[in-house]
C-alpha atoms as a PDB file:
ATOM      1  CA  MET A   1     -15.605-116.171 250.117  1.00  0.00           C
ATOM      2  CA  SER A   2     -12.983-114.748 247.764  1.00  0.00           C
ATOM      3  CA  GLU A   3      -9.293-115.318 248.290  1.00  0.00           C
ATOM      4  CA  THR A   4      -7.237-112.193 249.053  1.00  0.00           C
ATOM      5  CA  PHE A   5      -3.477-111.843 248.870  1.00  0.00           C
ATOM      6  CA  THR A   6      -0.933-109.027 248.996  1.00  0.00           C
ATOM      7  CA  ALA A   7       2.094-108.845 246.757  1.00  0.00           C
ATOM      8  CA  ARG A   8       5.055-106.713 245.752  1.00  0.00           C
ATOM      9  CA  VAL A   9       4.924-105.358 242.193  1.00  0.00           C
ATOM     10  CA  TRP A  10       7.441-105.701 239.361  1.00  0.00           C
ATOM     11  CA  VAL A  11       6.524-103.424 236.438  1.00  0.00           C
ATOM     12  CA  LEU A  12       7.145-104.425 232.824  1.00  0.00           C
ATOM     13  CA  GLY A  13       6.034-102.742 229.602  1.00  0.00           C
ATOM     14  CA  ASP A  14       4.067-103.676 226.504  1.00  0.00           C
ATOM     15  CA  ASP A  15       4.741-106.613 224.173  1.00  0.00           C
ATOM     16  CA  ILE A  16       6.822-108.737 226.561  1.00  0.00           C
ATOM     17  CA  ASP A  17       7.290-111.731 224.309  1.00  0.00           C
ATOM     18  CA  THR A  18       8.222-115.303 225.118  1.00  0.00           C
ATOM     19  CA  ASP A  19      11.796-114.691 223.899  1.00  0.00           C
ATOM     20  CA  ILE A  20      12.149-112.066 226.649  1.00  0.00           C
ATOM     21  CA  ILE A  21      10.544-114.354 229.239  1.00  0.00           C
ATOM     22  CA  ILE A  22      12.966-117.186 228.358  1.00  0.00           C
ATOM     23  CA  PRO A  23      15.435-116.741 225.483  1.00  0.00           C
ATOM     24  CA  THR A  24      15.737-119.581 222.975  1.00  0.00           C
ATOM     25  CA  GLU A  25      19.350-120.408 223.861  1.00  0.00           C
ATOM     26  CA  TYR A  26      18.333-121.491 227.386  1.00  0.00           C
ATOM     27  CA  LEU A  27      15.606-123.900 226.255  1.00  0.00           C
ATOM     28  CA  ALA A  28      18.271-126.611 225.840  1.00  0.00           C
ATOM     29  CA  LEU A  29      18.875-126.689 229.591  1.00  0.00           C
ATOM     30  CA  LYS A  30      17.516-129.837 231.237  1.00  0.00           C
ATOM     31  CA  THR A  31      14.935-128.428 233.647  1.00  0.00           C
ATOM     32  CA  ILE A  32      12.767-125.394 234.263  1.00  0.00           C
ATOM     33  CA  ASP A  33      14.718-124.916 237.489  1.00  0.00           C
ATOM     34  CA  ASP A  34      17.935-124.670 235.436  1.00  0.00           C
ATOM     35  CA  MET A  35      16.284-122.183 233.051  1.00  0.00           C
ATOM     36  CA  LYS A  36      14.579-119.872 235.555  1.00  0.00           C
ATOM     37  CA  GLN A  37      17.715-117.871 236.404  1.00  0.00           C
ATOM     38  CA  TYR A  38      17.676-116.591 232.804  1.00  0.00           C
ATOM     39  CA  GLY A  39      14.052-115.403 232.951  1.00  0.00           C
ATOM     40  CA  PHE A  40      13.632-111.915 231.496  1.00  0.00           C
ATOM     41  CA  SER A  41      17.421-111.688 230.939  1.00  0.00           C
ATOM     42  CA  PRO A  42      17.298-109.854 227.572  1.00  0.00           C
ATOM     43  CA  LEU A  43      15.258-107.092 229.211  1.00  0.00           C
ATOM     44  CA  ARG A  44      16.555-107.078 232.803  1.00  0.00           C
ATOM     45  CA  PRO A  45      19.336-109.576 233.560  1.00  0.00           C
ATOM     46  CA  GLU A  46      19.049-108.957 237.321  1.00  0.00           C
ATOM     47  CA  LEU A  47      15.278-109.477 237.577  1.00  0.00           C
ATOM     48  CA  ALA A  48      15.103-113.271 238.050  1.00  0.00           C
ATOM     49  CA  ALA A  49      17.412-113.105 241.067  1.00  0.00           C
ATOM     50  CA  GLN A  50      15.417-110.269 242.652  1.00  0.00           C
ATOM     51  CA  ILE A  51      11.932-111.798 242.402  1.00  0.00           C
ATOM     52  CA  GLN A  52      10.651-113.230 245.680  1.00  0.00           C
ATOM     53  CA  PRO A  53       7.944-115.885 246.062  1.00  0.00           C
ATOM     54  CA  GLY A  54       4.513-114.251 246.045  1.00  0.00           C
ATOM     55  CA  ASP A  55       5.515-111.215 243.957  1.00  0.00           C
ATOM     56  CA  VAL A  56       3.416-110.167 240.967  1.00  0.00           C
ATOM     57  CA  ILE A  57       4.280-108.804 237.554  1.00  0.00           C
ATOM     58  CA  VAL A  58       2.216-105.855 236.341  1.00  0.00           C
ATOM     59  CA  ALA A  59       2.629-105.374 232.611  1.00  0.00           C
ATOM     60  CA  GLY A  60       1.235-103.478 229.673  1.00  0.00           C
ATOM     61  CA  LYS A  61      -0.562-104.883 226.679  1.00  0.00           C
ATOM     62  CA  ASN A  62       0.078-108.102 224.741  1.00  0.00           C
ATOM     63  CA  PHE A  63       2.044-109.899 227.483  1.00  0.00           C
ATOM     64  CA  GLY A  64       3.339-113.276 226.317  1.00  0.00           C
ATOM     65  CA  CYS A  65       3.248-112.599 222.585  1.00  0.00           C
ATOM     66  CA  GLY A  66       5.603-114.455 220.266  1.00  0.00           C
ATOM     67  CA  SER A  67       6.147-118.191 220.084  1.00  0.00           C
ATOM     68  CA  SER A  68       3.881-120.593 221.902  1.00  0.00           C
ATOM     69  CA  ARG A  69       6.641-122.084 224.058  1.00  0.00           C
ATOM     70  CA  GLU A  70       5.165-123.652 227.147  1.00  0.00           C
ATOM     71  CA  GLN A  71       8.325-122.933 229.140  1.00  0.00           C
ATOM     72  CA  ALA A  72       7.459-119.214 229.359  1.00  0.00           C
ATOM     73  CA  PRO A  73       4.659-119.539 231.952  1.00  0.00           C
ATOM     74  CA  GLU A  74       6.551-122.386 233.636  1.00  0.00           C
ATOM     75  CA  ILE A  75       9.568-120.076 234.157  1.00  0.00           C
ATOM     76  CA  ILE A  76       7.384-117.311 235.607  1.00  0.00           C
ATOM     77  CA  LYS A  77       5.755-119.771 237.982  1.00  0.00           C
ATOM     78  CA  ALA A  78       9.130-121.307 238.946  1.00  0.00           C
ATOM     79  CA  LEU A  79      10.420-117.835 239.845  1.00  0.00           C
ATOM     80  CA  GLY A  80       7.653-117.652 242.449  1.00  0.00           C
ATOM     81  CA  ILE A  81       5.445-115.106 240.711  1.00  0.00           C
ATOM     82  CA  ARG A  82       1.936-115.350 242.239  1.00  0.00           C
ATOM     83  CA  ALA A  83       0.183-113.690 239.289  1.00  0.00           C
ATOM     84  CA  VAL A  84       0.733-111.659 236.164  1.00  0.00           C
ATOM     85  CA  ILE A  85      -1.584-108.666 235.850  1.00  0.00           C
ATOM     86  CA  ALA A  86      -1.539-107.070 232.413  1.00  0.00           C
ATOM     87  CA  LYS A  87      -3.575-104.842 230.139  1.00  0.00           C
ATOM     88  CA  SER A  88      -3.911-107.816 227.786  1.00  0.00           C
ATOM     89  CA  PHE A  89      -2.376-111.232 227.093  1.00  0.00           C
ATOM     90  CA  ALA A  90      -1.492-113.119 223.942  1.00  0.00           C
ATOM     91  CA  ARG A  91      -4.056-115.899 223.509  1.00  0.00           C
ATOM     92  CA  ILE A  92      -1.705-118.890 223.391  1.00  0.00           C
ATOM     93  CA  PHE A  93       0.271-117.593 226.377  1.00  0.00           C
ATOM     94  CA  PHE A  94      -2.982-117.172 228.317  1.00  0.00           C
ATOM     95  CA  ARG A  95      -3.985-120.770 227.647  1.00  0.00           C
ATOM     96  CA  ASN A  96      -0.491-122.149 228.369  1.00  0.00           C
ATOM     97  CA  SER A  97      -0.450-120.210 231.642  1.00  0.00           C
ATOM     98  CA  ILE A  98      -3.765-121.618 232.826  1.00  0.00           C
ATOM     99  CA  ASN A  99      -2.663-125.117 231.781  1.00  0.00           C
ATOM    100  CA  ASN A 100       0.476-124.688 233.902  1.00  0.00           C
ATOM    101  CA  GLY A 101      -1.324-123.222 236.905  1.00  0.00           C
ATOM    102  CA  LEU A 102      -0.177-119.595 236.540  1.00  0.00           C
ATOM    103  CA  LEU A 103      -2.776-116.996 237.506  1.00  0.00           C
ATOM    104  CA  LEU A 104      -3.334-114.231 234.959  1.00  0.00           C
ATOM    105  CA  ILE A 105      -5.498-111.175 235.614  1.00  0.00           C
ATOM    106  CA  GLU A 106      -6.469-108.658 232.954  1.00  0.00           C
ATOM    107  CA  ASN A 107      -6.758-105.027 233.999  1.00  0.00           C
ATOM    108  CA  GLY A 108      -6.322-102.045 231.721  1.00  0.00           C
ATOM    109  CA  ASP A 109      -5.665 -99.390 234.373  1.00  0.00           C
ATOM    110  CA  LEU A 110      -3.392-100.829 237.080  1.00  0.00           C
ATOM    111  CA  HIS A 111      -0.175-100.638 235.025  1.00  0.00           C
ATOM    112  CA  ASP A 112      -0.370 -96.843 234.832  1.00  0.00           C
ATOM    113  CA  ALA A 113      -1.168 -96.474 238.550  1.00  0.00           C
ATOM    114  CA  VAL A 114       1.654 -98.463 240.178  1.00  0.00           C
ATOM    115  CA  LYS A 115       5.410 -98.293 240.334  1.00  0.00           C
ATOM    116  CA  GLU A 116       7.923-101.012 240.982  1.00  0.00           C
ATOM    117  CA  GLY A 117       8.061-102.068 244.608  1.00  0.00           C
ATOM    118  CA  ASP A 118       4.495-100.985 245.414  1.00  0.00           C
ATOM    119  CA  GLU A 119       2.424-103.431 247.414  1.00  0.00           C
ATOM    120  CA  ILE A 120      -1.012-104.322 246.117  1.00  0.00           C
ATOM    121  CA  GLU A 121      -3.889-106.324 247.530  1.00  0.00           C
ATOM    122  CA  VAL A 122      -5.763-108.655 245.189  1.00  0.00           C
ATOM    123  CA  THR A 123      -9.198-110.030 246.005  1.00  0.00           C
ATOM    124  CA  MET A 124      -9.787-112.746 243.443  1.00  0.00           C
ATOM    125  CA  GLY A 125     -12.646-112.073 241.079  1.00  0.00           C
ATOM    126  CA  GLU A 126     -13.386-108.696 242.660  1.00  0.00           C
ATOM    127  CA  ARG A 127     -10.696-106.024 242.829  1.00  0.00           C
ATOM    128  CA  ILE A 128      -7.119-104.919 243.186  1.00  0.00           C
ATOM    129  CA  VAL A 129      -6.270-102.198 245.701  1.00  0.00           C
ATOM    130  CA  ALA A 130      -3.158-100.171 244.915  1.00  0.00           C
ATOM    131  CA  ASN A 131      -2.086 -96.893 246.486  1.00  0.00           C
ATOM    132  CA  GLY A 132      -5.535 -96.436 248.044  1.00  0.00           C
ATOM    133  CA  LYS A 133      -7.384 -96.865 244.753  1.00  0.00           C
ATOM    134  CA  GLU A 134      -9.596 -99.802 243.733  1.00  0.00           C
ATOM    135  CA  PHE A 135      -9.389-101.464 240.339  1.00  0.00           C
ATOM    136  CA  PRO A 136     -12.251-103.860 239.571  1.00  0.00           C
ATOM    137  CA  ILE A 137     -11.320-107.182 237.989  1.00  0.00           C
ATOM    138  CA  ALA A 138     -13.436-109.858 236.342  1.00  0.00           C
ATOM    139  CA  SER A 139     -13.654-113.290 237.852  1.00  0.00           C
ATOM    140  CA  LEU A 140     -12.263-116.271 236.010  1.00  0.00           C
ATOM    141  CA  PRO A 141     -14.689-119.111 235.339  1.00  0.00           C
ATOM    142  CA  GLN A 142     -14.668-121.774 238.066  1.00  0.00           C
ATOM    143  CA  ASN A 143     -13.220-124.443 235.771  1.00  0.00           C
ATOM    144  CA  LEU A 144     -10.144-122.270 235.096  1.00  0.00           C
ATOM    145  CA  LEU A 145      -9.759-121.451 238.798  1.00  0.00           C
ATOM    146  CA  ASP A 146      -9.896-125.177 239.558  1.00  0.00           C
ATOM    147  CA  ILE A 147      -7.033-125.770 237.094  1.00  0.00           C
ATOM    148  CA  ILE A 148      -4.957-122.917 238.575  1.00  0.00           C
ATOM    149  CA  ASN A 149      -5.625-124.023 242.167  1.00  0.00           C
ATOM    150  CA  ALA A 150      -4.629-127.605 241.326  1.00  0.00           C
ATOM    151  CA  GLY A 151      -1.306-126.381 239.896  1.00  0.00           C
ATOM    152  CA  GLY A 152      -2.152-126.968 236.241  1.00  0.00           C
ATOM    153  CA  LEU A 153      -4.357-128.937 233.866  1.00  0.00           C
ATOM    154  CA  VAL A 154      -2.657-132.315 234.274  1.00  0.00           C
ATOM    155  CA  LYS A 155      -2.820-132.095 238.067  1.00  0.00           C
ATOM    156  CA  ALA A 156      -6.452-130.946 237.934  1.00  0.00           C
ATOM    157  CA  MET A 157      -7.432-133.878 235.707  1.00  0.00           C
ATOM    158  CA  ARG A 158      -5.551-136.357 237.901  1.00  0.00           C
ATOM    159  CA  LYS A 159      -7.395-135.000 240.938  1.00  0.00           C
ATOM    160  CA  ARG A 160     -10.758-135.008 239.136  1.00  0.00           C
ATOM    161  CA  ASN A 161     -10.258-138.608 238.035  1.00  0.00           C
ATOM    162  CA  GLY A 162      -9.200-139.786 241.480  1.00  0.00           C
ATOM    163  CA  LEU A 163      -5.596-140.516 240.493  1.00  0.00           C
ATOM    164  CA  ASP A 164      -4.067-138.226 243.142  1.00  0.00           C
END
């Protein structure tokens, strides 16, 4: 049986790079928890404080482009974002997100069909329902879902090897 969840939408555009997700000057802070309040600050300084646990980001193409900083998906996850749904993702960001347990879903049509504050329903590996319309989504391979469900690659390997 597929997991289903509902979430409030935050809409972002194309080419949201890692410097927008977490600007370089905040990388010197000691923890991700210290950094998260500055998430997306160059684009929308108020956004980090407004995000609630379980919300999703719906973005355009090339989300996560730029440097390969691992803190970018960690910040998004620390803000409580359940998933990022975008037209496309930068490759290194995609891999870093999976490794840190952040769910990413690719969909080319949802971005143009939702507005900020809309509520969507996501059925993993099947579809997204938004404003009465269905958007099919591909399923992630089981090994990637296992990593996401464990909370990241390190946690998944610890569990797999009987260390946790």
